[in-house]
C-alpha atoms as a PDB file:
ATOM      1  CA  MET A   1      82.114  81.522  99.866  1.00  0.00           C
ATOM      2  CA  SER A   2      83.548  78.013  99.838  1.00  0.00           C
ATOM      3  CA  PRO A   3      86.673  77.201 101.870  1.00  0.00           C
ATOM      4  CA  VAL A   4      88.612  76.392  98.702  1.00  0.00           C
ATOM      5  CA  VAL A   5      87.912  79.799  97.170  1.00  0.00           C
ATOM      6  CA  TYR A   6      88.708  81.495 100.481  1.00  0.00           C
ATOM      7  CA  SER A   7      92.058  79.688 100.716  1.00  0.00           C
ATOM      8  CA  PHE A   8      92.887  80.525  97.110  1.00  0.00           C
ATOM      9  CA  LEU A   9      92.137  84.222  97.604  1.00  0.00           C
ATOM     10  CA  ALA A  10      94.064  84.328 100.883  1.00  0.00           C
ATOM     11  CA  GLY A  11      97.080  82.784  99.152  1.00  0.00           C
ATOM     12  CA  LEU A  12      96.761  85.265  96.311  1.00  0.00           C
ATOM     13  CA  ILE A  13      96.749  88.181  98.744  1.00  0.00           C
ATOM     14  CA  ALA A  14      99.739  86.746 100.647  1.00  0.00           C
ATOM     15  CA  MET A  15     101.640  86.381  97.378  1.00  0.00           C
ATOM     16  CA  GLY A  16     100.811  89.993  96.481  1.00  0.00           C
ATOM     17  CA  PHE A  17     102.203  91.224  99.806  1.00  0.00           C
ATOM     18  CA  ALA A  18     105.363  89.137  99.315  1.00  0.00           C
ATOM     19  CA  VAL A  19     105.896  90.504  95.788  1.00  0.00           C
ATOM     20  CA  ALA A  20     105.421  94.066  97.052  1.00  0.00           C
ATOM     21  CA  GLY A  21     108.092  93.317  99.656  1.00  0.00           C
ATOM     22  CA  LEU A  22     110.441  92.154  96.912  1.00  0.00           C
ATOM     23  CA  PHE A  23     109.865  95.380  94.965  1.00  0.00           C
ATOM     24  CA  PHE A  24     110.730  97.458  98.028  1.00  0.00           C
ATOM     25  CA  LEU A  25     113.819  95.311  98.576  1.00  0.00           C
ATOM     26  CA  SER A  26     114.978  96.028  95.023  1.00  0.00           C
ATOM     27  CA  PHE A  27     114.441  99.754  95.610  1.00  0.00           C
ATOM     28  CA  TRP A  28     116.480  99.485  98.817  1.00  0.00           C
ATOM     29  CA  ARG A  29     119.327  97.760  96.944  1.00  0.00           C
ATOM     30  CA  ARG A  30     119.553 100.688  94.538  1.00  0.00           C
ATOM     31  CA  SER A  31     119.194 103.536  97.014  1.00  0.00           C
ATOM     32  CA  ARG A  32     120.229 102.046 100.395  1.00  0.00           C
ATOM     33  CA  ASP A  33     117.404 104.089 101.930  1.00  0.00           C
ATOM     34  CA  SER A  34     116.180 102.439 105.134  1.00  0.00           C
ATOM     35  CA  LEU A  35     112.604 103.468 104.313  1.00  0.00           C
ATOM     36  CA  PHE A  36     112.478 100.862 101.533  1.00  0.00           C
ATOM     37  CA  ALA A  37     113.988  98.114 103.728  1.00  0.00           C
ATOM     38  CA  THR A  38     111.433  98.828 106.434  1.00  0.00           C
ATOM     39  CA  PHE A  39     108.576  98.776 103.925  1.00  0.00           C
ATOM     40  CA  ALA A  40     109.842  95.423 102.596  1.00  0.00           C
ATOM     41  CA  ALA A  41     109.868  93.966 106.121  1.00  0.00           C
ATOM     42  CA  ALA A  42     106.381  95.323 106.795  1.00  0.00           C
ATOM     43  CA  PHE A  43     104.946  93.792 103.636  1.00  0.00           C
ATOM     44  CA  TRP A  44     106.551  90.434 104.443  1.00  0.00           C
ATOM     45  CA  LEU A  45     104.939  90.574 107.891  1.00  0.00           C
ATOM     46  CA  MET A  46     101.581  91.181 106.217  1.00  0.00           C
ATOM     47  CA  ALA A  47     102.228  88.247 103.854  1.00  0.00           C
ATOM     48  CA  LEU A  48     103.025  86.018 106.828  1.00  0.00           C
ATOM     49  CA  ASN A  49      99.892  87.248 108.582  1.00  0.00           C
ATOM     50  CA  GLN A  50      97.678  86.412 105.590  1.00  0.00           C
ATOM     51  CA  ALA A  51      99.319  83.027 105.053  1.00  0.00           C
ATOM     52  CA  LEU A  52      98.847  82.040 108.687  1.00  0.00           C
ATOM     53  CA  VAL A  53      95.207  83.078 108.616  1.00  0.00           C
ATOM     54  CA  ALA A  54      94.632  80.845 105.600  1.00  0.00           C
ATOM     55  CA  LEU A  55      96.720  77.882 106.762  1.00  0.00           C
ATOM     56  CA  LEU A  56      95.444  77.800 110.333  1.00  0.00           C
ATOM     57  CA  GLY A  57      91.840  78.497 109.370  1.00  0.00           C
ATOM     58  CA  VAL A  58      91.385  81.321 111.859  1.00  0.00           C
ATOM     59  CA  PRO A  59      87.711  82.331 111.720  1.00  0.00           C
ATOM     60  CA  ARG A  60      88.136  85.826 113.227  1.00  0.00           C
ATOM     61  CA  GLU A  61      91.599  87.221 112.670  1.00  0.00           C
ATOM     62  CA  GLU A  62      91.020  90.310 114.797  1.00  0.00           C
ATOM     63  CA  GLN A  63      90.514  88.127 117.887  1.00  0.00           C
ATOM     64  CA  SER A  64      93.656  86.016 117.553  1.00  0.00           C
ATOM     65  CA  TRP A  65      97.358  86.528 118.199  1.00  0.00           C
ATOM     66  CA  ILE A  66      97.975  86.610 114.434  1.00  0.00           C
ATOM     67  CA  PHE A  67      96.575  90.137 114.335  1.00  0.00           C
ATOM     68  CA  LEU A  68      99.728  91.285 116.167  1.00  0.00           C
ATOM     69  CA  LEU A  69     101.734  90.611 112.990  1.00  0.00           C
ATOM     70  CA  ARG A  70      99.594  93.062 111.049  1.00  0.00           C
ATOM     71  CA  LEU A  71      99.820  95.569 113.878  1.00  0.00           C
ATOM     72  CA  ALA A  72     103.634  95.248 113.882  1.00  0.00           C
ATOM     73  CA  ALA A  73     103.701  95.823 110.114  1.00  0.00           C
ATOM     74  CA  PHE A  74     101.709  99.042 110.368  1.00  0.00           C
ATOM     75  CA  VAL A  75     103.806 100.252 113.310  1.00  0.00           C
ATOM     76  CA  LEU A  76     106.931  99.633 111.214  1.00  0.00           C
ATOM     77  CA  ILE A  77     105.485 101.673 108.351  1.00  0.00           C
ATOM     78  CA  ILE A  78     104.552 104.553 110.660  1.00  0.00           C
ATOM     79  CA  ILE A  79     107.992 104.580 112.305  1.00  0.00           C
ATOM     80  CA  ALA A  80     109.749 104.490 108.915  1.00  0.00           C
ATOM     81  CA  ILE A  81     107.724 107.433 107.617  1.00  0.00           C
ATOM     82  CA  LEU A  82     108.310 109.440 110.785  1.00  0.00           C
ATOM     83  CA  ARG A  83     112.065 108.740 110.687  1.00  0.00           C
ATOM     84  CA  LYS A  84     112.203 109.797 107.060  1.00  0.00           C
ATOM     85  CA  ASN A  85     110.280 113.043 107.606  1.00  0.00           C
ATOM     86  CA  MET A  86     111.850 114.045 110.928  1.00  0.00           C
ATOM     87  CA  GLY A  87     115.428 113.089 110.133  1.00  0.00           C
ATOM     88  CA  PRO A  88     118.253 115.533 109.542  1.00  0.00           C
ATOM     89  CA  ALA A  89     117.762 117.784 106.511  1.00  0.00           C
ATOM     90  CA  GLY A  90     121.164 116.856 105.081  1.00  0.00           C
ATOM     91  CA  ARG A  91     120.370 113.217 104.271  1.00  0.00           C
END
């Protein structure tokens, strides 16, 4: 795959993550449920991760510090789900 196509696809994926974050932010505005705010932050971290991979030209993402952004996003999602499911029943 040519570098131009790779950069285009990486930008497309980053934009998709950012748009998903905006959708979760709009859900949070309506419900004020912290689950949606956390999901929005996680998707923006994944968008930043993908954008940095494309802009910096990292050949192996899993061996660079940028991978920590993706790890933080998934940890945020796991914590948000656990908080939602283990919280008080009266919420």
